[in-house]
Amino acid sequence: MTQAEQTSPLKSAIQKHKEFLFPAVATYYQEPIALVHGEGEYVWDDQGNKYLDAFGGVLTVSIGHANPRVNAAWKDQVDKIAHMSTLYANGPQGIWRRSWRRSRRGI
């Protein structure tokens, strides 16, 4: 695959970002950055530039991008079942609820 072919979808993504995303997002920068990789607290764009991810969401702030332990646990879970409604009982749900109750009591 040529470099032009690799960047073409990213250019399309940038164009769609400008065209369809809500206007308030565009106030942060003139040209959107096409991010292609993240590791820990850093992200890289399609040109190989490395950035500190100061806009990370809730999970990337606490665990970083591509956290090996989290990815391994996620992959293990997805191999079993990807999503389950709370209408159905499951083991992890009970473990989480017990842990949550203890944390609310300060135990």
N, C-alpha and C. Protein backbone atom coordinates (compact mmCIF):
# COMPACT_ATOMS: atom_id res chain seq x y z
N MET A 1 0.85 -1.17 0.00
CA MET A 1 0.00 0.00 0.00
C MET A 1 0.90 1.24 0.00
N THR A 2 0.62 2.18 -0.87
CA THR A 2 1.43 3.39 -0.96
C THR A 2 1.06 4.37 0.17
N GLN A 3 1.95 5.34 0.40
CA GLN A 3 1.69 6.36 1.43
C GLN A 3 0.40 7.12 1.11
N ALA A 4 0.18 7.42 -0.16
CA ALA A 4 -1.03 8.14 -0.56
C ALA A 4 -2.28 7.35 -0.23
N GLU A 5 -2.23 6.03 -0.47
CA GLU A 5 -3.37 5.18 -0.15
C GLU A 5 -3.60 5.10 1.34
N GLN A 6 -2.53 5.12 2.13
CA GLN A 6 -2.67 5.05 3.58
C GLN A 6 -3.27 6.32 4.15
N THR A 7 -2.92 7.48 3.61
CA THR A 7 -3.41 8.74 4.15
C THR A 7 -4.77 9.13 3.60
N SER A 8 -5.18 8.57 2.47
CA SER A 8 -6.45 8.92 1.86
C SER A 8 -7.64 8.75 2.82
N PRO A 9 -7.80 7.63 3.51
CA PRO A 9 -8.91 7.51 4.45
C PRO A 9 -8.82 8.54 5.58
N LEU A 10 -7.60 8.91 5.99
CA LEU A 10 -7.45 9.90 7.03
C LEU A 10 -7.87 11.28 6.55
N LYS A 11 -7.53 11.61 5.32
CA LYS A 11 -7.97 12.89 4.76
C LYS A 11 -9.49 12.92 4.69
N SER A 12 -10.08 11.81 4.32
CA SER A 12 -11.54 11.72 4.28
C SER A 12 -12.13 11.89 5.67
N ALA A 13 -11.49 11.29 6.67
CA ALA A 13 -11.97 11.42 8.05
C ALA A 13 -11.89 12.87 8.52
N ILE A 14 -10.81 13.55 8.17
CA ILE A 14 -10.67 14.97 8.54
C ILE A 14 -11.77 15.80 7.88
N GLN A 15 -12.02 15.54 6.61
CA GLN A 15 -13.06 16.28 5.89
C GLN A 15 -14.43 16.05 6.54
N LYS A 16 -14.74 14.80 6.86
CA LYS A 16 -16.03 14.49 7.50
C LYS A 16 -16.10 15.13 8.89
N HIS A 17 -14.98 15.14 9.60
CA HIS A 17 -14.91 15.77 10.91
C HIS A 17 -15.30 17.24 10.80
N LYS A 18 -14.72 17.94 9.84
CA LYS A 18 -15.03 19.35 9.63
C LYS A 18 -16.49 19.56 9.22
N GLU A 19 -16.98 18.68 8.37
CA GLU A 19 -18.31 18.85 7.80
C GLU A 19 -19.44 18.50 8.76
N PHE A 20 -19.26 17.43 9.55
CA PHE A 20 -20.39 16.91 10.31
C PHE A 20 -20.31 17.10 11.83
N LEU A 21 -19.12 17.30 12.39
CA LEU A 21 -19.02 17.42 13.83
C LEU A 21 -19.54 18.78 14.29
N PHE A 22 -20.03 18.83 15.51
CA PHE A 22 -20.59 20.08 15.99
C PHE A 22 -19.53 21.19 16.02
N PRO A 23 -19.92 22.43 15.74
CA PRO A 23 -18.98 23.53 15.55
C PRO A 23 -18.07 23.82 16.75
N ALA A 24 -18.52 23.58 17.96
CA ALA A 24 -17.71 23.91 19.14
C ALA A 24 -16.38 23.17 19.17
N VAL A 25 -16.32 21.98 18.59
CA VAL A 25 -15.07 21.21 18.59
C VAL A 25 -14.00 21.91 17.77
N ALA A 26 -14.40 22.56 16.70
CA ALA A 26 -13.44 23.20 15.79
C ALA A 26 -12.72 24.37 16.44
N THR A 27 -13.21 24.89 17.56
CA THR A 27 -12.56 26.04 18.18
C THR A 27 -11.22 25.69 18.81
N TYR A 28 -10.94 24.44 19.03
CA TYR A 28 -9.68 24.03 19.64
C TYR A 28 -8.50 24.09 18.67
N TYR A 29 -8.76 24.01 17.39
CA TYR A 29 -7.67 23.99 16.41
C TYR A 29 -8.20 24.33 15.03
N GLN A 30 -7.29 24.84 14.20
CA GLN A 30 -7.65 25.18 12.82
C GLN A 30 -7.83 23.91 11.98
N GLU A 31 -6.88 23.00 12.07
CA GLU A 31 -6.91 21.76 11.31
C GLU A 31 -6.93 20.58 12.28
N PRO A 32 -7.90 19.68 12.16
CA PRO A 32 -7.94 18.50 13.03
C PRO A 32 -6.68 17.65 12.85
N ILE A 33 -6.28 17.00 13.90
CA ILE A 33 -5.15 16.08 13.87
C ILE A 33 -5.71 14.69 13.62
N ALA A 34 -5.15 13.97 12.67
CA ALA A 34 -5.60 12.60 12.37
C ALA A 34 -4.78 11.64 13.23
N LEU A 35 -5.32 11.24 14.37
CA LEU A 35 -4.61 10.34 15.28
C LEU A 35 -4.76 8.90 14.81
N VAL A 36 -3.65 8.15 14.89
CA VAL A 36 -3.67 6.78 14.42
C VAL A 36 -3.19 5.77 15.46
N HIS A 37 -2.61 6.25 16.56
CA HIS A 37 -2.04 5.32 17.53
C HIS A 37 -1.98 6.01 18.89
N GLY A 38 -2.20 5.24 19.93
CA GLY A 38 -2.06 5.75 21.29
C GLY A 38 -1.38 4.73 22.17
N GLU A 39 -0.58 5.21 23.11
CA GLU A 39 0.11 4.33 24.05
C GLU A 39 0.36 5.12 25.33
N GLY A 40 -0.20 4.61 26.43
CA GLY A 40 -0.07 5.34 27.69
C GLY A 40 -0.72 6.71 27.57
N GLU A 41 0.02 7.75 27.95
CA GLU A 41 -0.53 9.10 27.90
C GLU A 41 -0.24 9.81 26.58
N TYR A 42 0.33 9.11 25.62
CA TYR A 42 0.71 9.72 24.34
C TYR A 42 -0.12 9.19 23.17
N VAL A 43 -0.25 10.05 22.15
CA VAL A 43 -0.89 9.67 20.89
C VAL A 43 0.01 10.13 19.75
N TRP A 44 -0.13 9.47 18.59
CA TRP A 44 0.64 9.80 17.39
C TRP A 44 -0.31 10.10 16.26
N ASP A 45 0.08 11.06 15.42
CA ASP A 45 -0.73 11.36 14.25
C ASP A 45 -0.23 10.59 13.04
N ASP A 46 -0.90 10.79 11.92
CA ASP A 46 -0.57 10.05 10.70
C ASP A 46 0.76 10.47 10.09
N GLN A 47 1.37 11.52 10.63
CA GLN A 47 2.68 11.95 10.15
C GLN A 47 3.81 11.50 11.08
N GLY A 48 3.45 10.77 12.16
CA GLY A 48 4.45 10.27 13.10
C GLY A 48 4.75 11.22 14.25
N ASN A 49 4.05 12.34 14.34
CA ASN A 49 4.26 13.28 15.44
C ASN A 49 3.65 12.74 16.72
N LYS A 50 4.37 12.89 17.83
CA LYS A 50 3.94 12.39 19.13
C LYS A 50 3.40 13.55 19.96
N TYR A 51 2.24 13.32 20.63
CA TYR A 51 1.60 14.34 21.45
C TYR A 51 1.26 13.77 22.82
N LEU A 52 1.31 14.63 23.82
CA LEU A 52 0.76 14.29 25.13
C LEU A 52 -0.75 14.44 25.01
N ASP A 53 -1.51 13.41 25.34
CA ASP A 53 -2.97 13.45 25.18
C ASP A 53 -3.59 14.20 26.35
N ALA A 54 -3.71 15.50 26.19
CA ALA A 54 -4.30 16.34 27.23
C ALA A 54 -5.83 16.35 27.17
N PHE A 55 -6.40 15.73 26.14
CA PHE A 55 -7.85 15.70 25.99
C PHE A 55 -8.40 14.29 26.16
N GLY A 56 -7.67 13.41 26.80
CA GLY A 56 -8.11 12.04 26.96
C GLY A 56 -9.44 11.95 27.69
N GLY A 57 -10.22 10.96 27.34
CA GLY A 57 -11.49 10.74 28.02
C GLY A 57 -11.28 10.12 29.39
N VAL A 58 -12.35 9.81 30.04
CA VAL A 58 -12.30 9.30 31.41
C VAL A 58 -11.37 8.11 31.56
N LEU A 59 -11.48 7.12 30.69
CA LEU A 59 -10.63 5.93 30.84
C LEU A 59 -9.19 6.16 30.45
N THR A 60 -8.95 6.97 29.42
CA THR A 60 -7.55 7.18 29.03
C THR A 60 -6.81 8.00 30.06
N VAL A 61 -7.52 8.80 30.83
CA VAL A 61 -6.88 9.55 31.90
C VAL A 61 -6.41 8.60 33.00
N SER A 62 -7.24 7.62 33.33
CA SER A 62 -6.91 6.74 34.45
C SER A 62 -6.04 5.54 34.07
N ILE A 63 -6.16 5.04 32.85
CA ILE A 63 -5.39 3.83 32.48
C ILE A 63 -4.49 4.01 31.28
N GLY A 64 -4.64 5.11 30.55
CA GLY A 64 -3.83 5.35 29.36
C GLY A 64 -4.34 4.58 28.16
N HIS A 65 -3.79 4.91 27.01
CA HIS A 65 -4.14 4.23 25.77
C HIS A 65 -3.41 2.89 25.71
N ALA A 66 -4.08 1.87 25.19
CA ALA A 66 -3.48 0.56 24.92
C ALA A 66 -2.80 -0.04 26.14
N ASN A 67 -3.42 0.10 27.30
CA ASN A 67 -2.87 -0.48 28.53
C ASN A 67 -2.88 -2.00 28.40
N PRO A 68 -1.71 -2.66 28.47
CA PRO A 68 -1.65 -4.10 28.23
C PRO A 68 -2.52 -4.93 29.17
N ARG A 69 -2.58 -4.57 30.45
CA ARG A 69 -3.40 -5.35 31.40
C ARG A 69 -4.88 -5.20 31.10
N VAL A 70 -5.29 -3.99 30.80
CA VAL A 70 -6.70 -3.74 30.50
C VAL A 70 -7.07 -4.40 29.18
N ASN A 71 -6.21 -4.28 28.17
CA ASN A 71 -6.49 -4.91 26.88
C ASN A 71 -6.61 -6.43 27.01
N ALA A 72 -5.74 -7.04 27.81
CA ALA A 72 -5.79 -8.49 28.00
C ALA A 72 -7.11 -8.89 28.66
N ALA A 73 -7.52 -8.14 29.69
CA ALA A 73 -8.78 -8.45 30.37
C ALA A 73 -9.97 -8.24 29.42
N TRP A 74 -9.92 -7.17 28.64
CA TRP A 74 -10.99 -6.88 27.69
C TRP A 74 -11.09 -7.99 26.64
N LYS A 75 -9.96 -8.40 26.10
CA LYS A 75 -9.95 -9.46 25.08
C LYS A 75 -10.48 -10.77 25.66
N ASP A 76 -10.08 -11.07 26.89
CA ASP A 76 -10.57 -12.28 27.55
C ASP A 76 -12.08 -12.23 27.70
N GLN A 77 -12.61 -11.08 28.12
CA GLN A 77 -14.06 -10.95 28.28
C GLN A 77 -14.79 -11.04 26.96
N VAL A 78 -14.28 -10.37 25.94
CA VAL A 78 -14.94 -10.38 24.63
C VAL A 78 -14.98 -11.78 24.04
N ASP A 79 -13.97 -12.58 24.35
CA ASP A 79 -13.98 -13.97 23.88
C ASP A 79 -15.11 -14.77 24.53
N LYS A 80 -15.60 -14.31 25.68
CA LYS A 80 -16.70 -14.99 26.37
C LYS A 80 -18.06 -14.42 25.95
N ILE A 81 -18.22 -13.12 26.18
CA ILE A 81 -19.44 -12.41 25.79
C ILE A 81 -19.12 -10.92 25.80
N ALA A 82 -19.54 -10.23 24.75
CA ALA A 82 -19.17 -8.82 24.59
C ALA A 82 -20.05 -7.87 25.40
N HIS A 83 -21.33 -8.14 25.45
CA HIS A 83 -22.24 -7.26 26.16
C HIS A 83 -23.41 -8.07 26.67
N MET A 84 -23.87 -7.68 27.84
CA MET A 84 -25.02 -8.37 28.42
C MET A 84 -25.89 -7.36 29.13
N SER A 85 -27.16 -7.42 28.92
CA SER A 85 -28.10 -6.54 29.60
C SER A 85 -28.11 -6.88 31.09
N THR A 86 -28.43 -5.89 31.90
CA THR A 86 -28.57 -6.15 33.34
C THR A 86 -29.82 -6.97 33.65
N LEU A 87 -30.62 -7.28 32.63
CA LEU A 87 -31.77 -8.17 32.82
C LEU A 87 -31.34 -9.59 33.14
N TYR A 88 -30.09 -9.94 32.76
CA TYR A 88 -29.57 -11.28 32.98
C TYR A 88 -28.52 -11.25 34.09
N ALA A 89 -28.56 -12.26 34.94
CA ALA A 89 -27.57 -12.35 36.01
C ALA A 89 -26.25 -12.86 35.47
N ASN A 90 -25.15 -12.36 36.04
CA ASN A 90 -23.83 -12.87 35.68
C ASN A 90 -22.87 -12.66 36.84
N GLY A 91 -21.82 -13.45 36.89
CA GLY A 91 -20.87 -13.41 37.99
C GLY A 91 -20.21 -12.06 38.21
N PRO A 92 -19.60 -11.47 37.20
CA PRO A 92 -18.93 -10.18 37.41
C PRO A 92 -19.85 -9.09 37.95
N GLN A 93 -21.11 -9.12 37.56
CA GLN A 93 -22.07 -8.14 38.04
C GLN A 93 -22.22 -8.22 39.56
N GLY A 94 -22.31 -9.43 40.08
CA GLY A 94 -22.43 -9.61 41.52
C GLY A 94 -21.16 -9.19 42.26
N ILE A 95 -20.02 -9.52 41.70
CA ILE A 95 -18.74 -9.12 42.31
C ILE A 95 -18.63 -7.61 42.35
N TRP A 96 -18.98 -6.94 41.25
CA TRP A 96 -18.92 -5.49 41.20
C TRP A 96 -19.86 -4.87 42.22
N ARG A 97 -21.07 -5.38 42.31
CA ARG A 97 -22.07 -4.82 43.22
C ARG A 97 -21.61 -4.94 44.67
N ARG A 98 -21.05 -6.09 45.03
CA ARG A 98 -20.55 -6.29 46.40
C ARG A 98 -19.41 -5.31 46.68
N SER A 99 -18.51 -5.16 45.74
CA SER A 99 -17.39 -4.23 45.89
C SER A 99 -17.89 -2.79 46.01
N TRP A 100 -18.88 -2.44 45.21
CA TRP A 100 -19.43 -1.09 45.24
C TRP A 100 -20.08 -0.80 46.58
N ARG A 101 -20.83 -1.76 47.11
CA ARG A 101 -21.48 -1.56 48.42
C ARG A 101 -20.44 -1.34 49.52
N ARG A 102 -19.38 -2.13 49.50
CA ARG A 102 -18.33 -1.97 50.50
C ARG A 102 -17.67 -0.60 50.39
N SER A 103 -17.44 -0.13 49.18
CA SER A 103 -16.80 1.16 49.02
C SER A 103 -17.70 2.28 49.51
N ARG A 104 -19.01 2.11 49.41
CA ARG A 104 -19.97 3.13 49.88
C ARG A 104 -19.99 3.17 51.39
N ARG A 105 -19.72 2.05 52.05
CA ARG A 105 -19.72 1.99 53.51
C ARG A 105 -18.34 2.36 54.09
N GLY A 106 -17.36 2.53 53.22
CA GLY A 106 -16.03 2.84 53.69
C GLY A 106 -15.25 1.63 54.19
N ILE A 107 -15.68 0.44 53.76
CA ILE A 107 -15.01 -0.79 54.20
C ILE A 107 -13.80 -1.04 53.32
